[in-house]
């Protein structure tokens, strides 16, 4: 599973990335296993959705996508946030 043995921020990955071919199945698997929404992030961190929104506003958490009333996060980044 991604993100369990090593933490690299999304910014570092983007900065040093190279293009690679990914199948639709691989992409779907990644999304299902590695992305987490606001409610699930709140449950993982033991706080409320409002706390998650405040952490995002203060720059403590960085979502990979902002939706109307929801955020998507990389699960590995939240796991890293728990450890620090």
C-alpha atoms as a PDB file:
ATOM      1  CA  UNK A   1       0.000   0.000   0.000  1.00  0.00           C
ATOM      2  CA  UNK A   2       1.196   3.501  -0.766  1.00  0.00           C
ATOM      3  CA  UNK A   3       2.389   5.844   1.949  1.00  0.00           C
ATOM      4  CA  UNK A   4       3.015   3.419   4.795  1.00  0.00           C
ATOM      5  CA  UNK A   5       6.795   3.065   4.759  1.00  0.00           C
ATOM      6  CA  UNK A   6       7.850   6.489   3.558  1.00  0.00           C
ATOM      7  CA  UNK A   7       6.299   9.925   3.502  1.00  0.00           C
ATOM      8  CA  UNK A   8       6.793  12.207   0.517  1.00  0.00           C
ATOM      9  CA  UNK A   9       4.603  15.259   0.178  1.00  0.00           C
ATOM     10  CA  UNK A  10       2.553  15.676  -2.961  1.00  0.00           C
ATOM     11  CA  UNK A  11       4.585  18.816  -3.769  1.00  0.00           C
ATOM     12  CA  UNK A  12       7.869  16.867  -3.690  1.00  0.00           C
ATOM     13  CA  UNK A  13       6.402  14.143  -5.885  1.00  0.00           C
ATOM     14  CA  UNK A  14       5.149  16.685  -8.415  1.00  0.00           C
ATOM     15  CA  UNK A  15       8.501  18.483  -8.455  1.00  0.00           C
ATOM     16  CA  UNK A  16      10.497  15.313  -9.160  1.00  0.00           C
ATOM     17  CA  UNK A  17       7.952  13.369 -11.163  1.00  0.00           C
ATOM     18  CA  UNK A  18       8.206  11.714 -14.532  1.00  0.00           C
ATOM     19  CA  UNK A  19       5.319  10.633 -16.727  1.00  0.00           C
ATOM     20  CA  UNK A  20       4.293   6.995 -16.623  1.00  0.00           C
ATOM     21  CA  UNK A  21       1.506   4.934 -18.094  1.00  0.00           C
ATOM     22  CA  UNK A  22      -1.202   3.896 -15.640  1.00  0.00           C
ATOM     23  CA  UNK A  23      -4.109   1.616 -16.427  1.00  0.00           C
ATOM     24  CA  UNK A  24      -7.643   2.607 -15.512  1.00  0.00           C
ATOM     25  CA  UNK A  25      -7.757  -0.313 -13.086  1.00  0.00           C
ATOM     26  CA  UNK A  26      -4.554   0.825 -11.375  1.00  0.00           C
ATOM     27  CA  UNK A  27      -5.900   4.369 -11.094  1.00  0.00           C
ATOM     28  CA  UNK A  28      -9.235   3.200  -9.644  1.00  0.00           C
ATOM     29  CA  UNK A  29      -7.390   1.001  -7.165  1.00  0.00           C
ATOM     30  CA  UNK A  30      -5.200   3.924  -6.100  1.00  0.00           C
ATOM     31  CA  UNK A  31      -8.210   6.201  -5.633  1.00  0.00           C
ATOM     32  CA  UNK A  32     -10.131   3.598  -3.618  1.00  0.00           C
ATOM     33  CA  UNK A  33      -7.165   2.767  -1.383  1.00  0.00           C
ATOM     34  CA  UNK A  34      -5.401   6.103  -1.030  1.00  0.00           C
ATOM     35  CA  UNK A  35      -7.941   8.933  -1.152  1.00  0.00           C
ATOM     36  CA  UNK A  36     -10.048   9.862   1.849  1.00  0.00           C
ATOM     37  CA  UNK A  37     -12.871  12.404   2.131  1.00  0.00           C
ATOM     38  CA  UNK A  38     -13.500  14.977   4.845  1.00  0.00           C
ATOM     39  CA  UNK A  39     -15.772  12.791   6.988  1.00  0.00           C
ATOM     40  CA  UNK A  40     -13.340   9.868   6.879  1.00  0.00           C
ATOM     41  CA  UNK A  41     -10.411  12.186   7.618  1.00  0.00           C
ATOM     42  CA  UNK A  42     -12.264  13.534  10.650  1.00  0.00           C
ATOM     43  CA  UNK A  43     -12.913  10.005  11.893  1.00  0.00           C
ATOM     44  CA  UNK A  44      -9.265   9.029  11.349  1.00  0.00           C
ATOM     45  CA  UNK A  45      -7.997  12.095  13.212  1.00  0.00           C
ATOM     46  CA  UNK A  46     -10.668  11.882  15.913  1.00  0.00           C
ATOM     47  CA  UNK A  47     -12.149  15.317  15.266  1.00  0.00           C
ATOM     48  CA  UNK A  48     -15.077  16.997  13.506  1.00  0.00           C
ATOM     49  CA  UNK A  49     -15.498  18.003   9.872  1.00  0.00           C
ATOM     50  CA  UNK A  50     -15.314  21.611  11.060  1.00  0.00           C
ATOM     51  CA  UNK A  51     -11.901  20.900  12.608  1.00  0.00           C
ATOM     52  CA  UNK A  52     -10.732  19.481   9.277  1.00  0.00           C
ATOM     53  CA  UNK A  53     -11.942  22.626   7.499  1.00  0.00           C
ATOM     54  CA  UNK A  54     -10.067  24.800  10.006  1.00  0.00           C
ATOM     55  CA  UNK A  55      -6.872  22.751   9.560  1.00  0.00           C
ATOM     56  CA  UNK A  56      -7.143  23.251   5.792  1.00  0.00           C
ATOM     57  CA  UNK A  57      -7.754  27.003   6.184  1.00  0.00           C
ATOM     58  CA  UNK A  58      -4.669  27.286   8.428  1.00  0.00           C
ATOM     59  CA  UNK A  59      -2.560  25.284   5.959  1.00  0.00           C
ATOM     60  CA  UNK A  60      -1.999  22.377   8.364  1.00  0.00           C
ATOM     61  CA  UNK A  61      -3.689  19.909   6.001  1.00  0.00           C
ATOM     62  CA  UNK A  62      -3.474  20.112   2.228  1.00  0.00           C
ATOM     63  CA  UNK A  63      -6.275  18.465   0.267  1.00  0.00           C
ATOM     64  CA  UNK A  64      -5.551  17.113  -3.178  1.00  0.00           C
ATOM     65  CA  UNK A  65      -8.974  18.293  -4.297  1.00  0.00           C
ATOM     66  CA  UNK A  66     -11.530  20.783  -3.042  1.00  0.00           C
ATOM     67  CA  UNK A  67     -15.181  20.109  -3.776  1.00  0.00           C
ATOM     68  CA  UNK A  68     -18.204  22.242  -2.869  1.00  0.00           C
ATOM     69  CA  UNK A  69     -18.606  20.926   0.691  1.00  0.00           C
ATOM     70  CA  UNK A  70     -15.864  18.343   0.840  1.00  0.00           C
ATOM     71  CA  UNK A  71     -12.136  17.776   0.510  1.00  0.00           C
ATOM     72  CA  UNK A  72     -10.161  14.797  -0.729  1.00  0.00           C
ATOM     73  CA  UNK A  73      -6.866  13.954   0.973  1.00  0.00           C
ATOM     74  CA  UNK A  74      -4.119  11.439   0.400  1.00  0.00           C
ATOM     75  CA  UNK A  75      -4.496   8.922   3.197  1.00  0.00           C
ATOM     76  CA  UNK A  76      -0.716   8.723   3.592  1.00  0.00           C
ATOM     77  CA  UNK A  77      -0.505  12.455   4.324  1.00  0.00           C
ATOM     78  CA  UNK A  78      -3.146  12.133   7.054  1.00  0.00           C
ATOM     79  CA  UNK A  79      -1.348   9.150   8.537  1.00  0.00           C
ATOM     80  CA  UNK A  80       1.827  11.250   8.546  1.00  0.00           C
ATOM     81  CA  UNK A  81      -0.021  14.122  10.251  1.00  0.00           C
ATOM     82  CA  UNK A  82      -1.113  11.765  13.038  1.00  0.00           C
ATOM     83  CA  UNK A  83       2.490  10.737  13.733  1.00  0.00           C
ATOM     84  CA  UNK A  84       3.813  14.319  13.969  1.00  0.00           C
END
